[in-house]
């Protein structure tokens, strides 16, 4: 007579092993479907803070600074403040130009004195236009744009 007790045990073991195997496959596939796809080169690149400033600067450099010079200078001043905030971790908004320059002179190394002078020029020129009744001439605007772009490119 043949005993099936051993065969039944093998059968139960094989069924349990198969069930475990299929459960593992199911869990693995479910986890694969939940993984976020890796970014591809076709996705859009979010601009950095410098690129955003350059975009705004390009807008101001267009006809806007000719049509609305006071508003353009106010926006220009905001861009300079944004640059200082991002580059040096200092919010110059509540401070005067002198106080801002005093802080930056401690923060910027001596060998980068050209950067400090560029920032001083941008702040004083924008203050001069904002607080006076005169508007900047086109050559003054172009100098402001070129100094600011140069400052951004050195960063």
Protein backbone atom coordinates (compact mmCIF):
# COMPACT_ATOMS: atom_id res chain seq x y z
CA UNK A 1 0.00 0.00 0.00
CA UNK A 2 1.17 3.54 -0.90
CA UNK A 3 1.08 6.23 1.77
CA UNK A 4 -0.03 9.72 0.66
CA UNK A 5 0.83 11.44 3.94
CA UNK A 6 4.26 12.41 2.63
CA UNK A 7 2.84 13.41 -0.73
CA UNK A 8 0.17 15.56 0.87
CA UNK A 9 2.85 17.37 2.88
CA UNK A 10 4.86 17.99 -0.28
CA UNK A 11 1.72 19.22 -2.04
CA UNK A 12 0.89 21.65 0.80
CA UNK A 13 4.51 22.84 0.83
CA UNK A 14 4.44 23.43 -2.96
CA UNK A 15 1.14 25.31 -2.75
CA UNK A 16 2.43 27.50 0.09
CA UNK A 17 5.66 28.19 -1.81
CA UNK A 18 3.69 29.07 -4.97
CA UNK A 19 1.41 31.38 -3.00
CA UNK A 20 4.43 33.11 -1.44
CA UNK A 21 6.08 33.44 -4.86
CA UNK A 22 2.99 34.99 -6.49
CA UNK A 23 2.48 37.34 -3.52
CA UNK A 24 6.08 38.56 -3.88
CA UNK A 25 5.58 39.19 -7.61
CA UNK A 26 2.32 41.04 -6.93
CA UNK A 27 3.92 43.30 -4.29
CA UNK A 28 6.91 44.03 -6.52
CA UNK A 29 4.71 45.03 -9.47
CA UNK A 30 2.53 47.18 -7.25
CA UNK A 31 5.62 49.02 -5.93
CA UNK A 32 6.94 49.49 -9.48
CA UNK A 33 3.69 51.17 -10.50
CA UNK A 34 3.88 53.59 -7.54
CA UNK A 35 7.40 54.79 -8.35
CA UNK A 36 7.48 58.25 -9.90
CA UNK A 37 9.07 58.28 -13.33
CA UNK A 38 12.53 59.78 -13.56
CA UNK A 39 12.72 63.24 -15.10
CA UNK A 40 13.47 63.32 -18.78
CA UNK A 41 15.31 65.88 -20.81
CA UNK A 42 12.00 66.94 -22.38
CA UNK A 43 10.64 68.35 -19.10
CA UNK A 44 10.84 72.09 -18.69
CA UNK A 45 13.66 73.52 -16.62
CA UNK A 46 12.52 75.77 -13.80
CA UNK A 47 14.47 79.01 -13.89
CA UNK A 48 16.87 79.80 -11.07
CA UNK A 49 16.62 83.10 -9.22
CA UNK A 50 19.25 84.61 -11.52
CA UNK A 51 17.32 83.54 -14.62
CA UNK A 52 14.15 85.06 -13.20
CA UNK A 53 15.96 88.34 -12.55
CA UNK A 54 17.37 88.29 -16.09
CA UNK A 55 13.87 87.71 -17.51
CA UNK A 56 12.49 90.66 -15.55
CA UNK A 57 15.47 92.75 -16.58
CA UNK A 58 14.83 91.91 -20.23
CA UNK A 59 11.23 93.08 -19.81
CA UNK A 60 12.38 96.36 -18.27
CA UNK A 61 14.97 96.79 -21.01
CA UNK A 62 12.21 96.70 -23.60
CA UNK A 63 9.84 99.60 -24.24
CA UNK A 64 8.49 99.53 -20.66
CA UNK A 65 11.31 101.69 -19.25
CA UNK A 66 10.60 104.28 -21.95
CA UNK A 67 6.83 104.27 -21.49
CA UNK A 68 6.74 104.22 -17.67
CA UNK A 69 10.18 105.20 -16.35
CA UNK A 70 9.22 105.69 -12.68
CA UNK A 71 7.46 102.32 -12.49
CA UNK A 72 10.34 100.70 -14.34
CA UNK A 73 12.85 102.13 -11.86
CA UNK A 74 10.75 100.91 -8.95
CA UNK A 75 10.74 97.42 -10.46
CA UNK A 76 14.46 97.70 -11.17
CA UNK A 77 15.07 98.55 -7.52
CA UNK A 78 13.02 95.51 -6.46
CA UNK A 79 15.20 93.34 -8.72
CA UNK A 80 18.36 94.72 -7.10
CA UNK A 81 16.88 93.96 -3.66
CA UNK A 82 16.01 90.44 -4.84
CA UNK A 83 19.56 89.94 -6.05
CA UNK A 84 20.97 91.03 -2.67
CA UNK A 85 18.49 88.83 -0.80
CA UNK A 86 19.32 85.76 -2.89
CA UNK A 87 23.07 86.25 -3.22
CA UNK A 88 23.83 87.33 0.35
CA UNK A 89 20.88 86.18 2.46
CA UNK A 90 20.16 89.75 3.53
CA UNK A 91 16.87 91.59 3.02
CA UNK A 92 17.78 95.19 2.16
CA UNK A 93 14.17 96.38 1.94
CA UNK A 94 13.92 98.00 5.40
CA UNK A 95 17.41 99.52 5.21
CA UNK A 96 18.87 102.58 3.53
CA UNK A 97 21.45 102.24 0.78
CA UNK A 98 24.20 103.24 3.23
CA UNK A 99 23.15 100.59 5.75
CA UNK A 100 22.91 97.97 3.03
CA UNK A 101 26.36 98.84 1.71
CA UNK A 102 27.80 98.72 5.22
CA UNK A 103 26.43 95.19 5.68
CA UNK A 104 27.63 94.06 2.24
CA UNK A 105 31.11 95.50 2.75
CA UNK A 106 31.47 93.12 5.69
CA UNK A 107 30.06 90.20 3.71
CA UNK A 108 31.89 90.63 0.37
CA UNK A 109 35.63 89.82 0.41
CA UNK A 110 38.05 92.65 -0.38
CA UNK A 111 39.20 90.96 -3.60
CA UNK A 112 35.64 91.28 -4.92
CA UNK A 113 35.48 95.05 -4.46
CA UNK A 114 34.24 95.47 -8.05
CA UNK A 115 31.07 93.56 -7.10
CA UNK A 116 30.55 95.87 -4.14
CA UNK A 117 30.99 98.96 -6.33
CA UNK A 118 28.53 97.61 -8.89
CA UNK A 119 25.91 97.07 -6.20
CA UNK A 120 26.56 100.55 -4.80
CA UNK A 121 26.09 102.03 -8.27
CA UNK A 122 22.82 100.18 -8.85
CA UNK A 123 21.39 101.16 -5.47
CA UNK A 124 22.39 104.82 -5.63
CA UNK A 125 21.21 105.28 -9.22
CA UNK A 126 17.84 103.70 -8.52
CA UNK A 127 17.49 105.82 -5.34
CA UNK A 128 18.34 108.95 -7.28
CA UNK A 129 15.64 108.31 -9.88
CA UNK A 130 13.01 107.07 -7.43
CA UNK A 131 13.35 110.05 -5.10
CA UNK A 132 13.83 112.82 -7.65
CA UNK A 133 11.52 114.23 -10.26
CA UNK A 134 13.99 113.58 -13.06
CA UNK A 135 13.90 110.50 -15.21
CA UNK A 136 16.92 108.55 -16.37
CA UNK A 137 18.12 109.14 -19.88
CA UNK A 138 18.42 106.21 -22.23
CA UNK A 139 22.22 105.96 -21.83
CA UNK A 140 21.80 105.84 -18.03
CA UNK A 141 19.29 103.03 -18.39
CA UNK A 142 21.62 101.10 -20.68
CA UNK A 143 24.47 101.49 -18.18
CA UNK A 144 22.22 100.22 -15.37
CA UNK A 145 21.22 97.20 -17.46
CA UNK A 146 24.79 96.36 -18.44
CA UNK A 147 26.15 96.73 -14.88
CA UNK A 148 23.37 94.54 -13.48
CA UNK A 149 23.86 91.87 -16.16
CA UNK A 150 27.60 91.93 -15.50
CA UNK A 151 26.97 91.50 -11.79
CA UNK A 152 24.70 88.52 -12.45
CA UNK A 153 27.18 86.87 -14.79
CA UNK A 154 29.98 87.09 -12.19
CA UNK A 155 27.87 85.40 -9.55
